[in-house]
Protein backbone atom coordinates (compact mmCIF):
# COMPACT_ATOMS: atom_id res chain seq x y z
CA MET A 1 -30.25 234.81 72.66
CA PRO A 2 -27.13 233.97 70.78
CA THR A 3 -27.32 233.89 67.02
CA GLY A 4 -25.13 233.87 63.93
CA ALA A 5 -21.64 233.41 64.53
CA THR A 6 -22.17 234.09 68.46
CA LEU A 7 -24.33 230.87 68.39
CA HIS A 8 -21.78 229.22 66.77
CA LYS A 9 -18.62 230.01 69.23
CA THR A 10 -21.06 229.11 72.15
CA VAL A 11 -21.82 225.40 70.67
CA ALA A 12 -18.32 224.98 69.85
CA ARG A 13 -17.23 225.64 73.16
CA HIS A 14 -19.73 223.98 75.05
CA GLY A 15 -21.77 221.17 73.34
CA ARG A 16 -25.38 220.98 72.74
CA HIS A 17 -27.13 222.23 75.53
CA PHE A 18 -26.36 225.53 74.37
CA LEU A 19 -29.08 224.70 72.19
CA ALA A 20 -31.56 224.22 74.53
CA TYR A 21 -33.28 226.92 73.68
CA LEU A 22 -34.24 226.17 70.13
CA MET A 23 -35.41 222.77 71.82
CA GLN A 24 -38.59 221.36 70.11
CA THR A 25 -40.12 217.73 69.70
CA GLU A 26 -42.09 216.57 67.33
CA ALA A 27 -45.09 216.18 69.39
CA GLU A 28 -45.06 219.98 69.93
CA CYS A 29 -44.77 220.77 66.08
CA PRO A 30 -47.93 221.15 64.14
CA ALA A 31 -48.68 218.34 61.74
CA ARG A 32 -48.42 220.94 58.75
CA ALA A 33 -45.04 221.68 59.62
CA ARG A 34 -43.90 218.45 60.30
CA TYR A 35 -41.36 217.68 57.52
CA LEU A 36 -37.85 218.22 56.88
CA HIS A 37 -37.34 219.98 53.17
CA ALA A 38 -34.38 219.95 50.71
CA ASP A 39 -33.04 221.42 47.67
CA GLU A 40 -29.70 220.25 47.09
CA LEU A 41 -28.28 216.91 46.10
CA TYR A 42 -24.32 216.57 46.86
CA THR A 43 -22.28 214.78 44.58
CA ASP A 44 -19.45 212.36 45.43
CA GLY A 45 -17.33 214.94 44.18
CA ALA A 46 -19.12 217.45 46.86
CA LEU A 47 -19.42 215.17 49.41
CA GLN A 48 -15.08 214.07 49.37
CA LEU A 49 -14.94 218.22 50.16
CA LEU A 50 -17.64 218.36 52.64
CA ARG A 51 -15.36 215.30 54.70
CA ALA A 52 -12.38 217.09 54.13
CA GLY A 53 -13.49 220.23 55.47
CA CYS A 54 -15.08 218.17 58.39
CA ILE A 55 -11.59 216.80 59.55
CA ARG A 56 -9.58 219.86 59.16
CA ARG A 57 -12.40 221.69 61.74
CA TYR A 58 -12.28 218.76 63.94
CA GLN A 59 -8.79 218.32 64.24
CA LYS A 60 -8.69 221.96 65.14
CA ARG A 61 -11.34 221.81 67.49
CA GLU A 62 -9.31 218.77 69.28
CA LYS A 63 -6.12 221.12 69.96
CA ASP A 64 -8.54 223.46 71.38
CA ALA A 65 -8.83 223.02 75.41
CA ALA A 66 -12.28 225.27 75.22
CA SER A 67 -13.80 222.79 72.83
CA GLU A 68 -13.33 219.47 74.81
CA THR A 69 -17.03 219.36 75.89
CA PHE A 70 -18.09 219.71 71.97
CA VAL A 71 -15.53 217.47 71.12
CA HIS A 72 -16.43 214.60 73.39
CA TRP A 73 -20.25 215.78 72.12
CA THR A 74 -19.28 214.71 68.58
CA ARG A 75 -16.88 212.30 68.36
CA GLN A 76 -18.86 209.09 67.70
CA ALA A 77 -20.83 210.98 64.57
CA TYR A 78 -17.52 212.07 63.38
CA ASN A 79 -15.83 208.93 63.39
CA THR A 80 -18.91 207.36 61.65
CA PHE A 81 -19.17 210.11 58.92
CA VAL A 82 -15.48 210.50 58.12
CA GLN A 83 -14.89 206.53 57.52
CA TRP A 84 -18.27 206.54 55.75
CA THR A 85 -18.36 205.39 52.10
CA ARG A 86 -22.04 206.34 50.14
CA GLN A 87 -23.52 203.17 49.18
CA PRO A 88 -25.76 202.77 45.88
CA ASN A 89 -28.80 202.88 48.38
CA GLU A 90 -27.61 206.23 50.21
CA VAL A 91 -28.26 209.82 49.21
CA VAL A 92 -26.72 212.95 50.48
CA VAL A 93 -29.15 216.28 50.56
CA TYR A 94 -29.23 219.56 51.99
CA THR A 95 -32.15 220.41 54.18
CA TRP A 96 -33.20 223.50 55.55
CA TYR A 97 -34.37 224.50 59.23
CA ALA A 98 -35.11 221.60 60.92
CA TYR A 99 -38.78 221.31 62.29
CA ALA A 100 -38.01 219.82 65.62
CA ASP A 101 -35.27 217.92 67.36
CA LEU A 102 -35.16 214.36 65.99
CA ALA A 103 -32.52 211.64 67.16
CA LEU A 104 -31.22 208.89 64.64
CA PRO A 105 -31.65 207.31 62.90
CA LYS A 106 -35.11 208.91 61.96
CA ARG A 107 -37.47 206.84 59.91
CA PHE A 108 -39.73 208.53 57.51
CA ASP A 109 -42.36 206.97 55.00
CA CYS A 110 -43.15 209.61 52.78
CA ILE A 111 -41.07 211.95 50.03
CA PHE A 112 -43.53 214.83 48.24
CA HIS A 113 -42.87 217.52 45.81
CA VAL A 114 -42.53 220.72 48.38
CA ASP A 115 -44.55 222.94 45.67
CA ASN A 116 -47.13 220.37 44.97
CA PRO A 117 -47.27 217.40 47.92
CA ARG A 118 -50.37 215.61 45.74
CA GLU A 119 -47.30 214.54 43.94
CA HIS A 120 -45.54 212.18 46.35
CA LEU A 121 -43.89 208.66 46.98
CA LEU A 122 -44.70 206.23 49.85
CA VAL A 123 -41.19 204.65 50.73
CA SER A 124 -39.49 203.68 53.80
CA TYR A 125 -36.16 205.18 54.50
CA LEU A 126 -33.96 206.67 57.40
CA LEU A 127 -32.26 209.50 58.37
CA THR A 128 -29.08 208.03 59.39
CA GLN A 129 -26.46 210.48 59.56
CA SER A 130 -26.38 214.51 59.81
CA VAL A 131 -23.79 217.46 59.62
CA ILE A 132 -25.27 220.74 61.23
CA ASP A 133 -24.32 223.33 59.13
CA LEU A 134 -22.42 225.63 61.45
CA GLY A 135 -19.13 226.90 61.03
CA GLY A 136 -18.73 225.03 58.01
CA GLY A 137 -20.16 222.13 59.52
CA PHE A 138 -19.84 219.63 62.07
CA PRO A 139 -20.93 215.90 61.75
CA ILE A 140 -23.71 215.06 64.82
CA SER A 141 -25.90 212.39 66.22
CA SER A 142 -29.23 214.25 65.82
CA VAL A 143 -31.23 217.09 63.47
CA GLU A 144 -31.50 220.12 65.71
CA HIS A 145 -34.57 222.26 65.64
CA GLY A 146 -34.14 225.37 63.73
CA HIS A 147 -30.85 224.59 62.11
CA LYS A 148 -29.57 223.49 58.51
CA HIS A 149 -28.00 220.17 57.87
CA ILE A 150 -26.40 217.64 55.56
CA CYS A 151 -28.45 214.70 55.68
CA VAL A 152 -27.70 211.46 54.91
CA LEU A 153 -30.72 209.32 53.99
CA THR A 154 -30.69 205.17 53.48
CA PHE A 155 -33.16 203.38 51.28
CA GLU A 156 -33.82 199.77 51.78
CA GLN A 157 -33.20 199.24 47.77
CA GLU A 158 -32.77 201.66 45.23
CA VAL A 159 -32.84 205.28 45.59
CA PRO A 160 -35.83 207.15 44.05
CA ALA A 161 -35.20 208.45 40.49
CA ILE A 162 -37.20 211.61 41.95
CA PHE A 163 -33.93 212.80 43.94
CA GLN A 164 -32.24 213.75 40.15
CA LEU A 165 -34.63 216.61 40.02
CA LEU A 166 -32.89 218.66 42.85
CA HIS A 167 -29.94 220.63 42.07
CA ARG A 168 -26.77 219.20 42.28
CA LEU A 169 -23.97 220.58 44.03
CA GLU A 170 -20.32 219.61 42.41
CA GLY A 171 -18.34 221.93 44.98
CA ASN A 172 -17.75 223.74 47.57
CA VAL A 173 -19.62 226.63 46.78
CA SER A 174 -23.56 226.40 45.85
CA THR A 175 -24.73 227.34 42.28
CA MET A 176 -28.22 227.50 43.29
CA PRO A 177 -30.70 229.72 41.74
CA LEU A 178 -32.49 231.82 43.95
CA ARG A 179 -35.74 231.39 42.97
CA GLY A 180 -37.64 228.67 41.15
CA ALA A 181 -35.38 225.30 42.75
CA PHE A 182 -37.23 222.25 43.05
CA GLN A 183 -37.45 220.98 46.41
CA LEU A 184 -38.42 217.55 48.11
CA GLY A 185 -40.16 216.94 51.62
CA PHE A 186 -39.33 214.25 54.04
CA CYS A 187 -42.55 212.88 56.19
CA GLN A 188 -44.92 210.96 57.81
CA VAL A 189 -47.54 210.10 55.56
CA ALA A 190 -49.80 210.37 58.52
CA ASP A 191 -48.79 214.04 58.52
CA LEU A 192 -49.16 214.39 54.51
CA PRO A 193 -52.92 215.71 54.98
CA ALA A 194 -52.33 218.67 57.13
CA ILE A 195 -48.81 219.46 55.05
CA THR A 196 -50.90 219.59 51.48
CA ALA A 197 -53.56 221.55 53.23
CA ALA A 198 -51.00 223.97 54.40
CA ARG A 199 -48.89 224.36 51.33
CA GLU A 200 -52.17 224.51 49.41
CA ARG A 201 -53.11 227.65 51.81
CA THR A 202 -49.89 229.23 51.25
CA ALA A 203 -49.81 229.19 47.48
CA ARG A 204 -53.52 230.55 47.14
CA LEU A 205 -52.62 233.38 49.87
CA ARG A 206 -49.04 234.16 47.95
CA ALA A 207 -51.34 234.41 44.56
CA GLN A 208 -53.93 237.10 46.40
CA TYR A 209 -51.03 239.25 48.62
CA GLY A 210 -47.89 238.47 47.27
CA ALA A 211 -44.79 238.94 50.07
CA ASN A 212 -47.11 239.58 52.48
CA TRP A 213 -49.36 236.49 52.32
CA TRP A 214 -48.14 235.58 55.92
CA LYS A 215 -50.28 238.52 57.75
CA TYR A 216 -53.35 236.54 56.35
CA ASP A 217 -52.62 233.30 57.21
CA GLU A 218 -54.74 232.68 60.45
CA GLU A 219 -53.21 229.28 61.67
CA MET A 220 -49.49 231.42 61.65
CA SER A 221 -51.14 234.04 63.29
CA GLY A 222 -53.23 231.97 66.03
């Protein structure tokens, strides 16, 4: 099973089906884990740097015959991303390991505080664009299970103020604190009770057992 740099080279050479071993649908994911979580907000300056990097990497791939399948797979998403300008009702965030494969656009209707899901907002919004965090980042037309992404979220009206609590990325290099960063979760409200119960159970186990809490989580071990 390819990992790290090997995985990146494999995907860059052959395209999406080489991620097949990671594939998982939403239906296959338990409700308690059915959410994306973000801990960093891209400023317009950081977004410009990301776009410039995507252009350089894509142009390099276009010149590489071995990357023909990859270039074909990503062309539409790439063209959309590099020609796009962020609107006032859009926000760009860094999301961690995706819970499932998601086709775009993907609609969610709930935003919650990851450390306390009882603090949440009910609002409809779309995940409209995705840059997979492989080899510096490439725009794609999906979210891939088990991978990190830079995601564009589009709201019907203004972006909720809660996003301003996220750490702000100003350049190419994150200054995210190692611990204690505020995180937001994106989910369907129907899954929120299961997510809340799981997060609260994890908090109790962490308080009792510390770093080895997961050994005592029956849902995880079962």
